[in-house]
């Protein structure tokens, strides 16, 4: 069954996380090789700031185009996108991003759930959602939506996360296809090429 999931076309890979997730991404990004056959969208809980240093930090770890999302940007395969601080990121039916500054969800803006749920509506079975380390339950409802739409759901093994609460909440409350450590997550994403 896992092989079937690897063989189906994937248009978008979403990665959501909070405390402890940057370390995972710093290990993942250097392993990715162009051209990616999918768009990679990263949604991290961040402090409310216009500082783009996180995007700059991630950019030096990969040769693939990586940038913060702007309102109305198109989701294009082969690129890596980072949710900006203090905005929810939604994906519209026409394959563009929409930024929203409405109330926080799970005490967070950007909220992982908001992005995962909107992407599930657009990409359905061609979507993979990955939830990393964190300290609240954000991402659980988003993974439920991805699974309901036919997509693939992955969480970081809680015992390998700096803060295992977020992945454990998802495991306890959502249908999860794969529970993987950091190296297995990297291997899974690389196998999607």
N, C-alpha and C. Protein backbone atom coordinates (compact mmCIF):
# COMPACT_ATOMS: atom_id res chain seq x y z
N UNK A 1 0.82 -1.19 0.00
CA UNK A 1 0.00 0.00 0.00
C UNK A 1 0.86 1.26 0.00
N UNK A 2 1.95 1.27 0.76
CA UNK A 2 2.83 2.43 0.79
C UNK A 2 3.39 2.71 -0.60
N UNK A 3 3.69 1.64 -1.35
CA UNK A 3 4.23 1.84 -2.69
C UNK A 3 3.20 2.51 -3.60
N UNK A 4 1.91 2.15 -3.45
CA UNK A 4 0.86 2.80 -4.23
C UNK A 4 0.83 4.30 -3.96
N UNK A 5 1.00 4.68 -2.70
CA UNK A 5 0.98 6.10 -2.35
C UNK A 5 2.16 6.83 -2.97
N UNK A 6 3.30 6.16 -3.06
CA UNK A 6 4.46 6.80 -3.66
C UNK A 6 4.31 6.92 -5.17
N UNK A 7 3.51 6.06 -5.78
CA UNK A 7 3.38 6.07 -7.23
C UNK A 7 2.29 7.00 -7.75
N UNK A 8 1.40 7.45 -6.88
CA UNK A 8 0.36 8.35 -7.36
C UNK A 8 0.94 9.75 -7.54
N UNK A 9 0.43 10.53 -8.48
CA UNK A 9 0.98 11.86 -8.71
C UNK A 9 0.70 12.78 -7.52
N UNK A 10 1.70 13.54 -7.13
CA UNK A 10 1.57 14.50 -6.04
C UNK A 10 1.84 15.89 -6.62
N UNK A 11 0.87 16.79 -6.46
CA UNK A 11 1.04 18.16 -6.93
C UNK A 11 1.59 19.09 -5.86
N UNK A 12 1.22 18.83 -4.60
CA UNK A 12 1.62 19.71 -3.50
C UNK A 12 1.98 18.87 -2.28
N UNK A 13 3.09 19.26 -1.63
CA UNK A 13 3.46 18.72 -0.33
C UNK A 13 3.41 19.88 0.65
N UNK A 14 2.61 19.72 1.70
CA UNK A 14 2.51 20.72 2.76
C UNK A 14 3.28 20.23 3.97
N UNK A 15 4.05 21.10 4.57
CA UNK A 15 4.72 20.78 5.82
C UNK A 15 4.30 21.82 6.84
N UNK A 16 3.75 21.35 7.96
CA UNK A 16 3.36 22.24 9.03
C UNK A 16 4.10 21.91 10.30
N UNK A 17 4.42 22.93 11.07
CA UNK A 17 5.11 22.68 12.32
C UNK A 17 5.22 23.91 13.18
N UNK A 18 5.76 23.69 14.36
CA UNK A 18 5.95 24.75 15.34
C UNK A 18 7.30 24.53 16.02
N UNK A 19 7.36 24.63 17.32
CA UNK A 19 8.60 24.49 18.06
C UNK A 19 9.33 23.20 17.68
N UNK A 20 10.57 23.32 17.26
CA UNK A 20 11.37 22.16 16.89
C UNK A 20 11.36 21.81 15.42
N UNK A 21 10.50 22.45 14.65
CA UNK A 21 10.38 22.11 13.22
C UNK A 21 11.48 22.69 12.35
N UNK A 22 12.03 23.82 12.76
CA UNK A 22 13.08 24.45 11.94
C UNK A 22 14.27 23.49 11.80
N UNK A 23 14.61 22.80 12.89
CA UNK A 23 15.73 21.85 12.83
C UNK A 23 15.48 20.76 11.79
N UNK A 24 14.25 20.27 11.72
CA UNK A 24 13.90 19.24 10.74
C UNK A 24 14.06 19.79 9.32
N UNK A 25 13.56 21.00 9.10
CA UNK A 25 13.64 21.61 7.77
C UNK A 25 15.09 21.91 7.36
N UNK A 26 15.92 22.25 8.33
CA UNK A 26 17.33 22.51 8.02
C UNK A 26 18.04 21.22 7.59
N UNK A 27 17.53 20.09 8.00
CA UNK A 27 18.08 18.80 7.55
C UNK A 27 17.47 18.39 6.21
N UNK A 28 16.18 18.70 6.01
CA UNK A 28 15.48 18.30 4.80
C UNK A 28 15.90 19.11 3.58
N UNK A 29 15.90 20.42 3.68
CA UNK A 29 16.08 21.28 2.50
C UNK A 29 17.35 20.98 1.70
N UNK A 30 18.51 20.75 2.34
CA UNK A 30 19.71 20.48 1.53
C UNK A 30 19.63 19.18 0.74
N UNK A 31 18.72 18.28 1.11
CA UNK A 31 18.64 16.99 0.42
C UNK A 31 17.78 17.05 -0.84
N UNK A 32 17.01 18.10 -1.01
CA UNK A 32 16.10 18.19 -2.15
C UNK A 32 16.85 18.65 -3.39
N UNK A 33 16.57 17.99 -4.50
CA UNK A 33 17.23 18.31 -5.76
C UNK A 33 16.20 18.81 -6.78
N UNK A 34 16.59 19.80 -7.54
CA UNK A 34 15.74 20.30 -8.62
C UNK A 34 15.84 19.33 -9.80
N UNK A 35 14.79 19.22 -10.59
CA UNK A 35 13.51 19.89 -10.40
C UNK A 35 12.57 19.06 -9.51
N UNK A 36 11.88 19.73 -8.61
CA UNK A 36 10.83 19.07 -7.83
C UNK A 36 9.61 18.89 -8.74
N UNK A 37 8.95 17.77 -8.60
CA UNK A 37 7.76 17.51 -9.42
C UNK A 37 6.49 18.00 -8.71
N UNK A 38 6.65 18.72 -7.62
CA UNK A 38 5.52 19.21 -6.83
C UNK A 38 5.92 20.56 -6.23
N UNK A 39 4.93 21.29 -5.73
CA UNK A 39 5.19 22.51 -4.96
C UNK A 39 5.29 22.11 -3.50
N UNK A 40 6.25 22.67 -2.79
CA UNK A 40 6.43 22.41 -1.36
C UNK A 40 6.05 23.69 -0.62
N UNK A 41 5.08 23.57 0.29
CA UNK A 41 4.58 24.73 1.03
C UNK A 41 4.82 24.48 2.51
N UNK A 42 5.53 25.41 3.14
CA UNK A 42 5.89 25.29 4.55
C UNK A 42 5.09 26.30 5.37
N UNK A 43 4.40 25.81 6.39
CA UNK A 43 3.62 26.67 7.30
C UNK A 43 4.15 26.44 8.70
N UNK A 44 4.82 27.45 9.25
CA UNK A 44 5.39 27.37 10.59
C UNK A 44 4.79 28.44 11.47
N UNK A 45 4.55 28.10 12.73
CA UNK A 45 4.17 29.13 13.70
C UNK A 45 5.36 30.05 13.88
N UNK A 46 5.11 31.35 13.70
CA UNK A 46 6.20 32.33 13.74
C UNK A 46 5.77 33.53 14.56
N UNK A 47 6.75 34.26 15.05
CA UNK A 47 6.46 35.50 15.76
C UNK A 47 5.91 36.53 14.78
N UNK A 48 5.13 37.45 15.29
CA UNK A 48 4.53 38.50 14.45
C UNK A 48 5.59 39.52 14.07
N UNK A 49 6.17 39.33 12.91
CA UNK A 49 7.23 40.23 12.45
C UNK A 49 7.27 40.22 10.93
N UNK A 50 7.76 41.28 10.36
CA UNK A 50 7.93 41.34 8.91
C UNK A 50 9.34 40.90 8.51
N UNK A 51 10.13 40.49 9.48
CA UNK A 51 11.49 40.04 9.23
C UNK A 51 11.48 38.80 8.33
N UNK A 52 12.23 38.84 7.26
CA UNK A 52 12.26 37.71 6.32
C UNK A 52 13.49 36.82 6.55
N UNK A 53 14.09 36.91 7.74
CA UNK A 53 15.33 36.16 7.98
C UNK A 53 15.12 34.66 7.91
N UNK A 54 13.92 34.16 8.25
CA UNK A 54 13.69 32.71 8.16
C UNK A 54 13.73 32.25 6.70
N UNK A 55 13.11 33.01 5.82
CA UNK A 55 13.18 32.66 4.39
C UNK A 55 14.62 32.72 3.90
N UNK A 56 15.36 33.73 4.35
CA UNK A 56 16.77 33.83 3.96
C UNK A 56 17.57 32.64 4.47
N UNK A 57 17.32 32.25 5.72
CA UNK A 57 18.01 31.11 6.31
C UNK A 57 17.72 29.84 5.53
N UNK A 58 16.45 29.61 5.21
CA UNK A 58 16.08 28.41 4.45
C UNK A 58 16.67 28.46 3.04
N UNK A 59 16.68 29.63 2.44
CA UNK A 59 17.17 29.77 1.05
C UNK A 59 18.63 29.35 0.90
N UNK A 60 19.43 29.60 1.92
CA UNK A 60 20.85 29.23 1.80
C UNK A 60 21.06 27.73 1.96
N UNK A 61 20.01 27.01 2.36
CA UNK A 61 20.10 25.57 2.55
C UNK A 61 19.65 24.77 1.32
N UNK A 62 19.18 25.46 0.28
CA UNK A 62 18.69 24.74 -0.89
C UNK A 62 19.00 25.51 -2.17
N UNK A 63 19.14 24.79 -3.26
CA UNK A 63 19.33 25.42 -4.57
C UNK A 63 17.99 25.64 -5.27
N UNK A 64 16.91 25.17 -4.65
CA UNK A 64 15.57 25.31 -5.24
C UNK A 64 15.01 26.67 -4.86
N UNK A 65 14.28 27.28 -5.78
CA UNK A 65 13.67 28.58 -5.53
C UNK A 65 12.77 28.51 -4.29
N UNK A 66 13.08 29.36 -3.30
CA UNK A 66 12.32 29.41 -2.05
C UNK A 66 12.02 30.86 -1.72
N UNK A 67 10.74 31.14 -1.44
CA UNK A 67 10.40 32.52 -1.07
C UNK A 67 9.15 32.56 -0.23
N UNK A 68 9.00 33.67 0.48
CA UNK A 68 7.77 33.88 1.25
C UNK A 68 6.61 34.13 0.29
N UNK A 69 5.46 33.66 0.70
CA UNK A 69 4.25 33.78 -0.12
C UNK A 69 3.74 35.21 -0.10
N UNK A 70 3.35 35.71 -1.28
CA UNK A 70 2.64 36.97 -1.41
C UNK A 70 1.22 36.67 -1.85
N UNK A 71 0.30 37.55 -1.49
CA UNK A 71 -1.09 37.39 -1.89
C UNK A 71 -1.19 37.31 -3.42
N UNK A 72 -1.96 36.36 -3.88
CA UNK A 72 -2.24 36.11 -5.30
C UNK A 72 -1.10 35.45 -6.07
N UNK A 73 -0.01 35.07 -5.40
CA UNK A 73 1.03 34.27 -6.06
C UNK A 73 0.40 32.96 -6.54
N UNK A 74 0.87 32.46 -7.67
CA UNK A 74 0.43 31.15 -8.16
C UNK A 74 1.24 30.05 -7.48
N UNK A 75 0.60 28.94 -7.21
CA UNK A 75 1.28 27.76 -6.69
C UNK A 75 1.89 27.04 -7.90
N UNK A 76 3.21 27.02 -7.98
CA UNK A 76 3.91 26.47 -9.14
C UNK A 76 4.79 25.31 -8.70
N UNK A 77 4.64 24.18 -9.38
CA UNK A 77 5.48 23.01 -9.10
C UNK A 77 6.94 23.40 -9.26
N UNK A 78 7.78 22.77 -8.44
CA UNK A 78 9.21 23.02 -8.53
C UNK A 78 9.69 24.10 -7.59
N UNK A 79 8.78 24.78 -6.90
CA UNK A 79 9.14 25.86 -5.99
C UNK A 79 8.83 25.50 -4.55
N UNK A 80 9.53 26.18 -3.63
CA UNK A 80 9.28 26.04 -2.21
C UNK A 80 8.74 27.37 -1.71
N UNK A 81 7.64 27.31 -0.96
CA UNK A 81 6.97 28.51 -0.45
C UNK A 81 6.93 28.47 1.07
N UNK A 82 7.12 29.63 1.69
CA UNK A 82 7.07 29.76 3.13
C UNK A 82 5.95 30.73 3.51
N UNK A 83 5.07 30.29 4.40
CA UNK A 83 3.99 31.16 4.87
C UNK A 83 4.59 32.35 5.62
N UNK A 84 4.13 33.57 5.31
CA UNK A 84 4.65 34.73 6.02
C UNK A 84 4.12 34.80 7.45
N UNK A 85 4.83 35.51 8.29
CA UNK A 85 4.38 35.69 9.67
C UNK A 85 3.07 36.49 9.70
N UNK A 86 2.20 36.10 10.63
CA UNK A 86 0.99 36.84 10.98
C UNK A 86 -0.09 36.84 9.90
N UNK A 87 -0.05 35.91 8.96
CA UNK A 87 -1.11 35.75 7.97
C UNK A 87 -1.47 34.27 7.84
N UNK A 88 -2.77 34.01 7.76
CA UNK A 88 -3.20 32.67 7.35
C UNK A 88 -2.99 32.57 5.84
N UNK A 89 -2.60 31.39 5.38
CA UNK A 89 -2.40 31.15 3.95
C UNK A 89 -3.48 30.18 3.48
N UNK A 90 -4.26 30.62 2.51
CA UNK A 90 -5.27 29.78 1.89
C UNK A 90 -4.88 29.55 0.44
N UNK A 91 -5.35 28.43 -0.10
CA UNK A 91 -5.12 28.16 -1.52
C UNK A 91 -6.49 28.19 -2.20
N UNK A 92 -6.59 29.02 -3.21
CA UNK A 92 -7.84 29.22 -3.92
C UNK A 92 -8.01 28.14 -5.00
N UNK A 93 -9.24 27.99 -5.49
CA UNK A 93 -9.55 26.98 -6.51
C UNK A 93 -8.75 27.20 -7.80
N UNK A 94 -8.34 28.44 -8.07
CA UNK A 94 -7.56 28.71 -9.29
C UNK A 94 -6.06 28.45 -9.11
N UNK A 95 -5.67 27.88 -7.94
CA UNK A 95 -4.27 27.55 -7.72
C UNK A 95 -3.42 28.74 -7.32
N UNK A 96 -4.02 29.75 -6.71
CA UNK A 96 -3.26 30.88 -6.20
C UNK A 96 -3.38 30.94 -4.68
N UNK A 97 -2.41 31.63 -4.08
CA UNK A 97 -2.44 31.84 -2.63
C UNK A 97 -3.29 33.04 -2.29
N UNK A 98 -3.91 32.98 -1.14
CA UNK A 98 -4.64 34.11 -0.60
C UNK A 98 -4.19 34.29 0.85
N UNK A 99 -3.82 35.51 1.22
CA UNK A 99 -3.39 35.80 2.58
C UNK A 99 -4.54 36.43 3.35
N UNK A 100 -4.67 36.04 4.60
CA UNK A 100 -5.80 36.46 5.42
C UNK A 100 -5.30 36.79 6.82
N UNK A 101 -5.74 37.92 7.37
CA UNK A 101 -5.30 38.30 8.72
C UNK A 101 -6.44 38.20 9.74
N UNK A 102 -7.37 37.28 9.51
CA UNK A 102 -8.47 37.08 10.46
C UNK A 102 -7.95 36.47 11.76
N UNK A 103 -8.86 36.21 12.68
CA UNK A 103 -8.50 35.73 14.01
C UNK A 103 -7.58 34.51 13.97
N UNK A 104 -6.77 34.39 15.00
CA UNK A 104 -5.88 33.23 15.11
C UNK A 104 -6.70 31.95 15.26
N UNK A 105 -6.16 30.87 14.76
CA UNK A 105 -6.75 29.54 14.90
C UNK A 105 -5.73 28.70 15.67
N UNK A 106 -6.17 28.03 16.73
CA UNK A 106 -5.24 27.30 17.60
C UNK A 106 -4.13 28.22 18.10
N UNK A 107 -4.51 29.44 18.43
CA UNK A 107 -3.57 30.45 18.95
C UNK A 107 -2.49 30.83 17.94
N UNK A 108 -2.71 30.55 16.67
CA UNK A 108 -1.66 30.73 15.67
C UNK A 108 -2.16 31.43 14.42
N UNK A 109 -1.30 32.26 13.86
CA UNK A 109 -1.50 32.85 12.54
C UNK A 109 -0.12 33.06 11.95
N UNK A 110 0.32 32.23 11.03
CA UNK A 110 -0.49 31.32 10.23
C UNK A 110 -0.88 30.06 11.00
N UNK A 111 -2.04 29.56 10.65
CA UNK A 111 -2.52 28.30 11.20
C UNK A 111 -2.28 27.19 10.18
N UNK A 112 -1.75 26.09 10.67
CA UNK A 112 -1.53 24.92 9.81
C UNK A 112 -2.87 24.39 9.32
N UNK A 113 -3.85 24.31 10.22
CA UNK A 113 -5.17 23.80 9.83
C UNK A 113 -5.76 24.58 8.67
N UNK A 114 -5.68 25.90 8.71
CA UNK A 114 -6.27 26.74 7.67
C UNK A 114 -5.68 26.39 6.30
N UNK A 115 -4.36 26.30 6.23
CA UNK A 115 -3.71 25.99 4.95
C UNK A 115 -4.00 24.57 4.51
N UNK A 116 -3.87 23.61 5.42
CA UNK A 116 -4.11 22.21 5.07
C UNK A 116 -5.54 22.00 4.58
N UNK A 117 -6.52 22.60 5.26
CA UNK A 117 -7.92 22.42 4.87
C UNK A 117 -8.22 23.04 3.51
N UNK A 118 -7.70 24.23 3.25
CA UNK A 118 -7.97 24.86 1.95
C UNK A 118 -7.27 24.10 0.82
N UNK A 119 -6.07 23.60 1.08
CA UNK A 119 -5.35 22.82 0.06
C UNK A 119 -6.05 21.50 -0.23
N UNK A 120 -6.64 20.89 0.80
CA UNK A 120 -7.37 19.63 0.60
C UNK A 120 -8.53 19.83 -0.37
N UNK A 121 -9.21 20.97 -0.26
CA UNK A 121 -10.33 21.27 -1.16
C UNK A 121 -9.88 21.41 -2.61
N UNK A 122 -8.66 21.90 -2.81
CA UNK A 122 -8.16 22.16 -4.17
C UNK A 122 -7.45 20.94 -4.76
N UNK A 123 -6.62 20.28 -3.98
CA UNK A 123 -5.73 19.25 -4.53
C UNK A 123 -6.15 17.81 -4.24
N UNK A 124 -7.04 17.61 -3.27
CA UNK A 124 -7.56 16.27 -2.99
C UNK A 124 -6.51 15.20 -2.91
N UNK A 125 -6.63 14.14 -3.73
CA UNK A 125 -5.72 13.00 -3.64
C UNK A 125 -4.30 13.28 -4.12
N UNK A 126 -4.06 14.44 -4.71
CA UNK A 126 -2.70 14.76 -5.16
C UNK A 126 -1.95 15.61 -4.13
N UNK A 127 -2.44 15.58 -2.89
CA UNK A 127 -1.87 16.38 -1.80
C UNK A 127 -1.28 15.46 -0.73
N UNK A 128 -0.11 15.84 -0.22
CA UNK A 128 0.48 15.17 0.93
C UNK A 128 0.67 16.21 2.03
N UNK A 129 0.20 15.90 3.23
CA UNK A 129 0.38 16.78 4.38
C UNK A 129 1.28 16.13 5.41
N UNK A 130 2.27 16.90 5.87
CA UNK A 130 3.24 16.40 6.86
C UNK A 130 3.22 17.33 8.07
N UNK A 131 3.04 16.76 9.25
CA UNK A 131 3.01 17.53 10.49
C UNK A 131 4.23 17.20 11.33
N UNK A 132 4.95 18.25 11.72
CA UNK A 132 6.18 18.09 12.49
C UNK A 132 5.98 18.47 13.96
N UNK A 133 7.07 18.66 14.64
CA UNK A 133 7.12 19.00 16.06
C UNK A 133 6.32 20.25 16.39
N UNK A 134 5.73 20.27 17.59
CA UNK A 134 5.01 21.45 18.04
C UNK A 134 4.27 21.21 19.34
N UNK A 135 3.75 22.32 19.90
CA UNK A 135 3.20 22.26 21.26
C UNK A 135 1.69 22.43 21.34
N UNK A 136 0.97 22.54 20.22
CA UNK A 136 -0.49 22.59 20.33
C UNK A 136 -1.11 21.63 19.33
N UNK A 137 -2.42 21.70 19.17
CA UNK A 137 -3.10 20.71 18.32
C UNK A 137 -3.32 21.19 16.88
N UNK A 138 -2.71 22.31 16.51
CA UNK A 138 -2.84 22.80 15.14
C UNK A 138 -2.32 21.72 14.17
N UNK A 139 -3.03 21.52 13.09
CA UNK A 139 -2.64 20.54 12.09
C UNK A 139 -3.49 19.29 12.10
N UNK A 140 -4.08 18.95 13.23
CA UNK A 140 -4.89 17.74 13.33
C UNK A 140 -6.11 17.81 12.42
N UNK A 141 -6.87 18.90 12.50
CA UNK A 141 -8.05 19.03 11.63
C UNK A 141 -7.66 19.12 10.16
N UNK A 142 -6.53 19.75 9.89
CA UNK A 142 -6.06 19.83 8.52
C UNK A 142 -5.71 18.47 7.95
N UNK A 143 -5.09 17.63 8.76
CA UNK A 143 -4.77 16.27 8.31
C UNK A 143 -6.05 15.47 8.09
N UNK A 144 -7.05 15.66 8.94
CA UNK A 144 -8.34 14.99 8.72
C UNK A 144 -8.93 15.38 7.37
N UNK A 145 -8.86 16.68 7.05
CA UNK A 145 -9.40 17.16 5.77
C UNK A 145 -8.63 16.57 4.59
N UNK A 146 -7.31 16.50 4.71
CA UNK A 146 -6.49 15.93 3.63
C UNK A 146 -6.86 14.46 3.42
N UNK A 147 -6.97 13.72 4.51
CA UNK A 147 -7.31 12.30 4.40
C UNK A 147 -8.70 12.12 3.79
N UNK A 148 -9.67 12.94 4.24
CA UNK A 148 -11.03 12.85 3.71
C UNK A 148 -11.06 13.13 2.21
N UNK A 149 -10.16 14.01 1.75
CA UNK A 149 -10.09 14.36 0.32
C UNK A 149 -9.29 13.34 -0.49
N UNK A 150 -8.75 12.31 0.17
CA UNK A 150 -8.00 11.27 -0.54
C UNK A 150 -6.51 11.47 -0.56
N UNK A 151 -6.02 12.49 0.14
CA UNK A 151 -4.59 12.75 0.18
C UNK A 151 -3.86 11.85 1.17
N UNK A 152 -2.56 12.06 1.27
CA UNK A 152 -1.70 11.27 2.14
C UNK A 152 -1.32 12.09 3.37
N UNK A 153 -1.37 11.45 4.55
CA UNK A 153 -1.07 12.13 5.80
C UNK A 153 0.12 11.49 6.49
N UNK A 154 1.02 12.36 6.96
CA UNK A 154 2.25 11.92 7.61
C UNK A 154 2.47 12.76 8.85
N UNK A 155 2.94 12.13 9.94
CA UNK A 155 3.37 12.90 11.10
C UNK A 155 4.76 12.43 11.52
N UNK A 156 5.49 13.37 12.10
CA UNK A 156 6.79 13.03 12.67
C UNK A 156 6.56 12.16 13.90
N UNK A 157 7.36 11.12 14.04
CA UNK A 157 7.27 10.27 15.22
C UNK A 157 7.48 11.14 16.46
N UNK A 158 6.51 11.15 17.38
CA UNK A 158 6.61 12.05 18.53
C UNK A 158 7.89 11.91 19.33
N UNK A 159 8.43 10.71 19.44
CA UNK A 159 9.64 10.53 20.23
C UNK A 159 10.89 11.08 19.54
N UNK A 160 10.76 11.49 18.27
CA UNK A 160 11.89 12.12 17.56
C UNK A 160 11.71 13.63 17.45
N UNK A 161 10.58 14.14 17.93
CA UNK A 161 10.28 15.58 17.85
C UNK A 161 10.81 16.28 19.10
N UNK A 162 11.26 17.51 18.93
CA UNK A 162 11.67 18.31 20.08
C UNK A 162 10.49 18.48 21.04
N UNK A 163 9.30 18.73 20.46
CA UNK A 163 8.07 18.79 21.24
C UNK A 163 7.07 17.86 20.55
N UNK A 164 6.78 16.74 21.19
CA UNK A 164 5.97 15.70 20.56
C UNK A 164 4.47 15.88 20.65
N UNK A 165 3.99 16.94 21.32
CA UNK A 165 2.56 17.09 21.54
C UNK A 165 1.77 17.20 20.23
N UNK A 166 2.22 18.03 19.31
CA UNK A 166 1.48 18.26 18.07
C UNK A 166 1.34 16.98 17.24
N UNK A 167 2.42 16.26 16.96
CA UNK A 167 2.24 15.01 16.21
C UNK A 167 1.43 13.98 16.98
N UNK A 168 1.57 13.94 18.30
CA UNK A 168 0.80 12.96 19.08
C UNK A 168 -0.69 13.26 19.03
N UNK A 169 -1.05 14.54 19.06
CA UNK A 169 -2.46 14.93 18.93
C UNK A 169 -3.03 14.43 17.62
N UNK A 170 -2.25 14.57 16.55
CA UNK A 170 -2.72 14.11 15.24
C UNK A 170 -2.87 12.60 15.22
N UNK A 171 -1.90 11.88 15.77
CA UNK A 171 -1.97 10.43 15.79
C UNK A 171 -3.20 9.96 16.57
N UNK A 172 -3.51 10.65 17.66
CA UNK A 172 -4.63 10.26 18.51
C UNK A 172 -5.99 10.63 17.93
N UNK A 173 -6.03 11.60 17.01
CA UNK A 173 -7.32 12.15 16.59
C UNK A 173 -7.57 12.19 15.09
N UNK A 174 -6.61 11.79 14.27
CA UNK A 174 -6.79 11.86 12.81
C UNK A 174 -6.27 10.57 12.18
N UNK A 175 -6.81 10.23 10.99
CA UNK A 175 -6.28 9.05 10.29
C UNK A 175 -4.93 9.38 9.65
N UNK A 176 -3.89 8.70 10.11
CA UNK A 176 -2.52 8.99 9.67
C UNK A 176 -2.01 7.80 8.86
N UNK A 177 -1.47 8.08 7.69
CA UNK A 177 -0.91 7.03 6.83
C UNK A 177 0.46 6.57 7.30
N UNK A 178 1.31 7.53 7.67
CA UNK A 178 2.69 7.20 8.03
C UNK A 178 3.14 8.00 9.24
N UNK A 179 3.78 7.32 10.18
CA UNK A 179 4.42 7.95 11.34
C UNK A 179 5.91 7.71 11.15
N UNK A 180 6.66 8.78 10.86
CA UNK A 180 8.04 8.63 10.39
C UNK A 180 9.01 9.47 11.21
N UNK A 181 10.26 9.01 11.30
CA UNK A 181 11.29 9.84 11.91
C UNK A 181 11.82 10.81 10.85
N UNK A 182 12.76 11.64 11.24
CA UNK A 182 13.22 12.70 10.33
C UNK A 182 13.81 12.12 9.05
N UNK A 183 14.66 11.13 9.16
CA UNK A 183 15.28 10.55 7.96
C UNK A 183 14.24 9.87 7.07
N UNK A 184 13.24 9.26 7.66
CA UNK A 184 12.18 8.63 6.87
C UNK A 184 11.32 9.68 6.16
N UNK A 185 11.09 10.80 6.81
CA UNK A 185 10.35 11.90 6.16
C UNK A 185 11.15 12.40 4.95
N UNK A 186 12.44 12.60 5.15
CA UNK A 186 13.30 13.04 4.05
C UNK A 186 13.26 12.02 2.91
N UNK A 187 13.37 10.75 3.22
CA UNK A 187 13.32 9.70 2.21
C UNK A 187 11.99 9.67 1.48
N UNK A 188 10.90 9.86 2.20
CA UNK A 188 9.57 9.87 1.59
C UNK A 188 9.45 11.00 0.57
N UNK A 189 9.86 12.20 0.98
CA UNK A 189 9.75 13.36 0.08
C UNK A 189 10.65 13.19 -1.14
N UNK A 190 11.86 12.71 -0.93
CA UNK A 190 12.77 12.50 -2.06
C UNK A 190 12.23 11.46 -3.03
N UNK A 191 11.50 10.47 -2.53
CA UNK A 191 10.93 9.42 -3.39
C UNK A 191 9.80 9.94 -4.24
N UNK A 192 9.27 11.12 -3.92
CA UNK A 192 8.16 11.71 -4.72
C UNK A 192 8.66 12.34 -6.00
N UNK A 193 9.95 12.51 -6.16
CA UNK A 193 10.51 13.17 -7.35
C UNK A 193 10.10 12.48 -8.62
